[in-house]
């Protein structure tokens, strides 16, 4: 099974913000995901991870949350779950590139 999860998570309370920037807090989350060994892709609006089970995906959300010691945290999650499939984090992009017959600059 392949569980693709796109999520964003960041503090909204002043106790964890540096003015309007949340990059320090988001960096803590990305560092933890990187150390977990889970495949991921950082985007300007969030992060996409791929796991083999829903439990693993939810564990990453909990891990991300644990990185932020803040009074208030915003998070949005989107799932794409597919049985009998894996490595979709890269294969979905390659499929579009093949259709376009060129590579998309990333």
C-alpha atoms as a PDB file:
ATOM      1  CA  UNK A   1       0.000   0.000   0.000  1.00  0.00           C
ATOM      2  CA  UNK A   2       1.091   3.578  -0.624  1.00  0.00           C
ATOM      3  CA  UNK A   3      -0.109   6.383   1.608  1.00  0.00           C
ATOM      4  CA  UNK A   4       0.683   9.806   0.214  1.00  0.00           C
ATOM      5  CA  UNK A   5       0.077  12.541   2.739  1.00  0.00           C
ATOM      6  CA  UNK A   6       0.389  16.222   1.980  1.00  0.00           C
ATOM      7  CA  UNK A   7       0.348  18.365   5.084  1.00  0.00           C
ATOM      8  CA  UNK A   8       1.215  21.734   6.464  1.00  0.00           C
ATOM      9  CA  UNK A   9       1.800  22.436  10.127  1.00  0.00           C
ATOM     10  CA  UNK A  10       2.930  25.636  11.760  1.00  0.00           C
ATOM     11  CA  UNK A  11       2.380  27.732  14.879  1.00  0.00           C
ATOM     12  CA  UNK A  12      -0.173  30.512  14.851  1.00  0.00           C
ATOM     13  CA  UNK A  13       0.530  31.795  18.347  1.00  0.00           C
ATOM     14  CA  UNK A  14       3.004  34.581  19.039  1.00  0.00           C
ATOM     15  CA  UNK A  15       4.997  32.430  21.477  1.00  0.00           C
ATOM     16  CA  UNK A  16       6.550  30.497  18.573  1.00  0.00           C
ATOM     17  CA  UNK A  17       6.614  33.008  15.733  1.00  0.00           C
ATOM     18  CA  UNK A  18       9.469  35.249  14.676  1.00  0.00           C
ATOM     19  CA  UNK A  19       7.386  38.118  13.358  1.00  0.00           C
ATOM     20  CA  UNK A  20       5.495  36.744  10.371  1.00  0.00           C
ATOM     21  CA  UNK A  21       8.008  33.937   9.725  1.00  0.00           C
ATOM     22  CA  UNK A  22       7.494  30.337  10.825  1.00  0.00           C
ATOM     23  CA  UNK A  23      10.519  28.902   8.999  1.00  0.00           C
ATOM     24  CA  UNK A  24      12.415  28.084  12.214  1.00  0.00           C
ATOM     25  CA  UNK A  25       9.530  25.982  13.470  1.00  0.00           C
ATOM     26  CA  UNK A  26       8.898  24.320  10.101  1.00  0.00           C
ATOM     27  CA  UNK A  27      12.622  23.503   9.887  1.00  0.00           C
ATOM     28  CA  UNK A  28      12.335  21.530  13.127  1.00  0.00           C
ATOM     29  CA  UNK A  29       9.567  19.446  11.579  1.00  0.00           C
ATOM     30  CA  UNK A  30      11.477  18.817   8.347  1.00  0.00           C
ATOM     31  CA  UNK A  31      14.596  17.810  10.282  1.00  0.00           C
ATOM     32  CA  UNK A  32      12.596  15.250  12.273  1.00  0.00           C
ATOM     33  CA  UNK A  33      10.999  13.835   9.112  1.00  0.00           C
ATOM     34  CA  UNK A  34      14.400  13.618   7.435  1.00  0.00           C
ATOM     35  CA  UNK A  35      15.844  11.734  10.417  1.00  0.00           C
ATOM     36  CA  UNK A  36      12.862   9.338  10.382  1.00  0.00           C
ATOM     37  CA  UNK A  37      13.922   7.918   7.018  1.00  0.00           C
ATOM     38  CA  UNK A  38      10.457   8.391   5.484  1.00  0.00           C
ATOM     39  CA  UNK A  39      10.416   9.586   1.862  1.00  0.00           C
ATOM     40  CA  UNK A  40       9.298  13.192   1.647  1.00  0.00           C
ATOM     41  CA  UNK A  41       9.250  16.239  -0.577  1.00  0.00           C
ATOM     42  CA  UNK A  42       9.182  19.779   0.779  1.00  0.00           C
ATOM     43  CA  UNK A  43       7.073  22.237  -1.208  1.00  0.00           C
ATOM     44  CA  UNK A  44       6.476  25.973  -0.758  1.00  0.00           C
ATOM     45  CA  UNK A  45       3.053  25.278   0.757  1.00  0.00           C
ATOM     46  CA  UNK A  46       3.673  22.081   2.733  1.00  0.00           C
ATOM     47  CA  UNK A  47       5.328  18.687   2.776  1.00  0.00           C
ATOM     48  CA  UNK A  48       4.411  15.438   1.038  1.00  0.00           C
ATOM     49  CA  UNK A  49       5.384  12.123   2.620  1.00  0.00           C
ATOM     50  CA  UNK A  50       4.920   8.539   1.440  1.00  0.00           C
ATOM     51  CA  UNK A  51       4.492   5.637   3.841  1.00  0.00           C
ATOM     52  CA  UNK A  52       3.397   2.020   3.511  1.00  0.00           C
ATOM     53  CA  UNK A  53       0.631   2.272   6.108  1.00  0.00           C
ATOM     54  CA  UNK A  54      -1.809   4.798   7.487  1.00  0.00           C
ATOM     55  CA  UNK A  55      -0.338   4.239  10.969  1.00  0.00           C
ATOM     56  CA  UNK A  56       3.127   5.321   9.725  1.00  0.00           C
ATOM     57  CA  UNK A  57       1.645   8.458   8.151  1.00  0.00           C
ATOM     58  CA  UNK A  58      -0.196   9.356  11.348  1.00  0.00           C
ATOM     59  CA  UNK A  59       2.971   8.699  13.358  1.00  0.00           C
ATOM     60  CA  UNK A  60       4.765  11.303  11.212  1.00  0.00           C
ATOM     61  CA  UNK A  61       2.002  13.810  11.957  1.00  0.00           C
ATOM     62  CA  UNK A  62       2.426  13.123  15.658  1.00  0.00           C
ATOM     63  CA  UNK A  63       6.215  13.447  15.314  1.00  0.00           C
ATOM     64  CA  UNK A  64       5.775  16.781  13.522  1.00  0.00           C
ATOM     65  CA  UNK A  65       3.427  18.043  16.216  1.00  0.00           C
ATOM     66  CA  UNK A  66       5.905  17.045  18.939  1.00  0.00           C
ATOM     67  CA  UNK A  67       8.535  19.330  17.389  1.00  0.00           C
ATOM     68  CA  UNK A  68       6.450  22.419  18.169  1.00  0.00           C
ATOM     69  CA  UNK A  69       6.099  23.532  21.767  1.00  0.00           C
ATOM     70  CA  UNK A  70       3.577  26.269  21.011  1.00  0.00           C
ATOM     71  CA  UNK A  71       0.280  27.478  22.427  1.00  0.00           C
ATOM     72  CA  UNK A  72      -1.551  27.089  19.102  1.00  0.00           C
ATOM     73  CA  UNK A  73      -0.731  25.065  15.969  1.00  0.00           C
ATOM     74  CA  UNK A  74      -2.458  24.989  12.582  1.00  0.00           C
ATOM     75  CA  UNK A  75      -2.396  21.851  10.462  1.00  0.00           C
ATOM     76  CA  UNK A  76      -4.057  20.724   7.236  1.00  0.00           C
ATOM     77  CA  UNK A  77      -3.819  17.177   5.863  1.00  0.00           C
ATOM     78  CA  UNK A  78      -4.706  15.511   2.549  1.00  0.00           C
ATOM     79  CA  UNK A  79      -4.387  11.763   1.895  1.00  0.00           C
ATOM     80  CA  UNK A  80      -4.132   9.684  -1.291  1.00  0.00           C
ATOM     81  CA  UNK A  81      -4.206   5.993  -0.351  1.00  0.00           C
ATOM     82  CA  UNK A  82      -3.684   3.273  -2.924  1.00  0.00           C
ATOM     83  CA  UNK A  83      -3.422  -0.474  -2.461  1.00  0.00           C
ATOM     84  CA  UNK A  84      -0.868  -2.566  -4.368  1.00  0.00           C
ATOM     85  CA  UNK A  85       1.316   0.413  -5.142  1.00  0.00           C
ATOM     86  CA  UNK A  86       4.464   2.124  -3.880  1.00  0.00           C
ATOM     87  CA  UNK A  87       7.028   4.788  -4.773  1.00  0.00           C
ATOM     88  CA  UNK A  88       4.291   7.145  -5.960  1.00  0.00           C
ATOM     89  CA  UNK A  89       6.055  10.193  -4.556  1.00  0.00           C
ATOM     90  CA  UNK A  90       8.318  10.026  -7.611  1.00  0.00           C
ATOM     91  CA  UNK A  91       6.304   7.947 -10.078  1.00  0.00           C
ATOM     92  CA  UNK A  92       3.339  10.351 -10.182  1.00  0.00           C
ATOM     93  CA  UNK A  93       5.667  13.204 -11.196  1.00  0.00           C
ATOM     94  CA  UNK A  94       7.412  11.018 -13.797  1.00  0.00           C
ATOM     95  CA  UNK A  95       4.028  10.108 -15.269  1.00  0.00           C
ATOM     96  CA  UNK A  96       3.180  13.778 -15.836  1.00  0.00           C
ATOM     97  CA  UNK A  97       6.649  14.457 -17.244  1.00  0.00           C
ATOM     98  CA  UNK A  98       6.210  11.547 -19.659  1.00  0.00           C
ATOM     99  CA  UNK A  99       2.857  12.888 -20.753  1.00  0.00           C
ATOM    100  CA  UNK A 100       4.388  16.313 -21.337  1.00  0.00           C
ATOM    101  CA  UNK A 101       7.357  14.635 -23.075  1.00  0.00           C
ATOM    102  CA  UNK A 102       9.714  16.851 -21.116  1.00  0.00           C
ATOM    103  CA  UNK A 103      10.966  17.218 -17.598  1.00  0.00           C
ATOM    104  CA  UNK A 104       9.390  19.699 -15.242  1.00  0.00           C
ATOM    105  CA  UNK A 105      11.928  21.910 -13.498  1.00  0.00           C
ATOM    106  CA  UNK A 106      11.831  21.328  -9.739  1.00  0.00           C
END
